[in-house]
């Protein structure tokens, strides 16, 4: 059952992640999300061609079955990795950025300044905060107003 929860968390994390190219250099999950979306489009023709290859050419059934299972497992592996990533704690350098963005949102009165010491900072909470900051702070979220061009 834990695997199913991680899979669902990965699907939710796919929807939460912002689709900015600027963030894809810092977060590998944005590239993996793109790979999963491309795989969903490309895999059906590949699997059909593998089945036709099995039918028309004298290939071994085991090789074709293993190849199809491997091709089907790639997006599933990506979603599971996203599920693990969404629940993993933030590294120290991202905690500083998280706190800075959160303080800016508190100053603009978007978030309440409640202090919860048991709050676990995960990548999912960071992505939610980034989405919220994009809405309220614009494209230059996380930067001071003095540094904007």
Protein backbone atom coordinates (compact mmCIF):
# COMPACT_ATOMS: atom_id res chain seq x y z
CA UNK A 1 0.00 0.00 0.00
CA UNK A 2 2.92 2.35 0.59
CA UNK A 3 3.90 2.02 -3.08
CA UNK A 4 0.41 3.10 -4.14
CA UNK A 5 0.62 6.16 -1.87
CA UNK A 6 3.99 7.09 -3.31
CA UNK A 7 2.62 6.67 -6.84
CA UNK A 8 -0.33 8.96 -6.05
CA UNK A 9 2.01 11.48 -4.43
CA UNK A 10 4.10 11.44 -7.62
CA UNK A 11 1.04 12.14 -9.76
CA UNK A 12 0.02 15.01 -7.49
CA UNK A 13 3.58 16.36 -7.54
CA UNK A 14 3.51 16.30 -11.35
CA UNK A 15 0.50 18.60 -11.29
CA UNK A 16 1.94 20.90 -8.60
CA UNK A 17 5.34 21.53 -10.22
CA UNK A 18 5.60 24.82 -12.11
CA UNK A 19 6.40 24.58 -15.80
CA UNK A 20 9.11 27.28 -15.95
CA UNK A 21 12.21 26.70 -18.04
CA UNK A 22 14.20 28.85 -15.62
CA UNK A 23 13.48 26.41 -12.80
CA UNK A 24 14.36 23.32 -14.85
CA UNK A 25 18.06 24.08 -14.39
CA UNK A 26 17.69 23.82 -10.61
CA UNK A 27 15.13 21.03 -10.29
CA UNK A 28 15.58 17.78 -12.24
CA UNK A 29 11.98 16.77 -11.61
CA UNK A 30 10.80 19.29 -14.20
CA UNK A 31 12.80 17.48 -16.88
CA UNK A 32 11.51 14.12 -15.69
CA UNK A 33 7.93 15.40 -15.90
CA UNK A 34 8.57 16.38 -19.52
CA UNK A 35 10.05 12.95 -20.22
CA UNK A 36 7.00 11.25 -18.71
CA UNK A 37 4.65 13.33 -20.84
CA UNK A 38 6.62 12.53 -23.99
CA UNK A 39 6.70 8.84 -23.06
CA UNK A 40 2.90 8.80 -22.73
CA UNK A 41 2.66 10.01 -26.33
CA UNK A 42 5.40 7.85 -27.82
CA UNK A 43 4.94 4.53 -25.99
CA UNK A 44 1.70 3.32 -27.66
CA UNK A 45 3.20 3.35 -31.19
CA UNK A 46 6.40 1.75 -29.90
CA UNK A 47 4.48 -1.05 -28.20
CA UNK A 48 2.35 -1.64 -31.30
CA UNK A 49 5.48 -1.79 -33.45
CA UNK A 50 7.03 -4.28 -31.02
CA UNK A 51 3.95 -6.48 -31.25
CA UNK A 52 4.04 -6.28 -35.05
CA UNK A 53 7.75 -7.05 -34.96
CA UNK A 54 6.96 -10.18 -32.94
CA UNK A 55 4.22 -11.19 -35.35
CA UNK A 56 5.98 -10.62 -38.69
CA UNK A 57 9.61 -11.35 -37.82
CA UNK A 58 10.86 -14.51 -36.18
CA UNK A 59 11.73 -12.89 -32.86
CA UNK A 60 11.63 -14.65 -29.56
CA UNK A 61 8.50 -14.03 -27.53
CA UNK A 62 10.44 -13.53 -24.29
CA UNK A 63 12.60 -10.78 -25.77
CA UNK A 64 9.55 -8.92 -27.06
CA UNK A 65 7.66 -9.31 -23.78
CA UNK A 66 10.61 -8.07 -21.72
CA UNK A 67 11.09 -5.11 -24.06
CA UNK A 68 7.41 -4.16 -23.80
CA UNK A 69 7.46 -4.47 -20.00
CA UNK A 70 10.59 -2.34 -19.81
CA UNK A 71 9.05 0.33 -22.05
CA UNK A 72 5.89 0.38 -19.93
CA UNK A 73 7.86 0.63 -16.70
CA UNK A 74 9.75 3.80 -17.64
CA UNK A 75 6.94 6.31 -16.95
CA UNK A 76 5.95 4.36 -13.83
CA UNK A 77 9.52 4.59 -12.54
CA UNK A 78 9.50 8.32 -13.19
CA UNK A 79 6.24 8.84 -11.28
CA UNK A 80 7.53 6.76 -8.37
CA UNK A 81 10.72 8.82 -8.28
CA UNK A 82 8.61 11.99 -8.23
CA UNK A 83 6.62 10.57 -5.32
CA UNK A 84 9.77 9.90 -3.33
CA UNK A 85 11.15 13.31 -4.27
CA UNK A 86 7.99 15.15 -3.21
CA UNK A 87 8.20 13.73 0.31
CA UNK A 88 11.96 14.11 0.77
CA UNK A 89 13.21 16.94 3.01
CA UNK A 90 14.69 20.09 1.53
CA UNK A 91 18.46 20.54 1.56
CA UNK A 92 19.86 23.44 3.57
CA UNK A 93 20.41 25.74 0.59
CA UNK A 94 16.77 25.43 -0.45
CA UNK A 95 15.50 25.98 3.10
CA UNK A 96 17.02 29.46 2.99
CA UNK A 97 15.26 30.21 -0.31
CA UNK A 98 12.01 28.78 1.04
CA UNK A 99 12.18 31.02 4.10
CA UNK A 100 13.03 34.10 2.03
CA UNK A 101 10.09 33.56 -0.35
CA UNK A 102 7.78 32.81 2.56
CA UNK A 103 8.80 36.05 4.31
CA UNK A 104 8.04 38.02 1.16
CA UNK A 105 4.60 36.42 0.94
CA UNK A 106 3.98 37.19 4.63
CA UNK A 107 4.99 40.83 4.06
CA UNK A 108 2.44 41.07 1.23
CA UNK A 109 -0.11 39.47 3.56
CA UNK A 110 -0.65 36.47 1.30
CA UNK A 111 0.36 33.97 4.00
CA UNK A 112 -0.28 34.09 7.72
CA UNK A 113 2.83 34.27 9.92
CA UNK A 114 1.93 31.21 12.00
CA UNK A 115 4.95 29.42 13.40
CA UNK A 116 4.66 25.65 13.32
CA UNK A 117 7.89 24.06 14.62
CA UNK A 118 6.75 20.60 13.50
CA UNK A 119 6.34 21.71 9.89
CA UNK A 120 8.30 19.39 7.63
CA UNK A 121 9.80 21.25 4.69
CA UNK A 122 9.56 19.01 1.64
CA UNK A 123 9.96 19.57 -2.07
CA UNK A 124 6.17 19.48 -2.40
CA UNK A 125 5.78 22.39 0.04
CA UNK A 126 8.50 24.30 -1.85
CA UNK A 127 6.71 23.84 -5.18
CA UNK A 128 3.43 24.97 -3.66
CA UNK A 129 5.17 28.06 -2.31
CA UNK A 130 6.80 28.76 -5.69
CA UNK A 131 3.41 28.54 -7.42
CA UNK A 132 1.91 30.90 -4.86
CA UNK A 133 4.80 33.32 -5.21
CA UNK A 134 4.50 33.33 -9.01
CA UNK A 135 0.90 34.43 -8.66
CA UNK A 136 1.50 37.16 -6.07
CA UNK A 137 5.11 38.24 -6.63
CA UNK A 138 5.38 37.90 -10.40
CA UNK A 139 8.22 36.49 -12.44
CA UNK A 140 10.92 37.80 -10.13
CA UNK A 141 9.78 35.92 -7.04
CA UNK A 142 12.36 35.51 -4.35
CA UNK A 143 14.20 38.68 -5.31
CA UNK A 144 14.17 42.05 -3.61
CA UNK A 145 12.19 44.85 -5.25
CA UNK A 146 15.35 46.98 -5.39
CA UNK A 147 17.12 44.54 -7.72
CA UNK A 148 14.40 44.33 -10.36
CA UNK A 149 15.18 45.90 -13.74
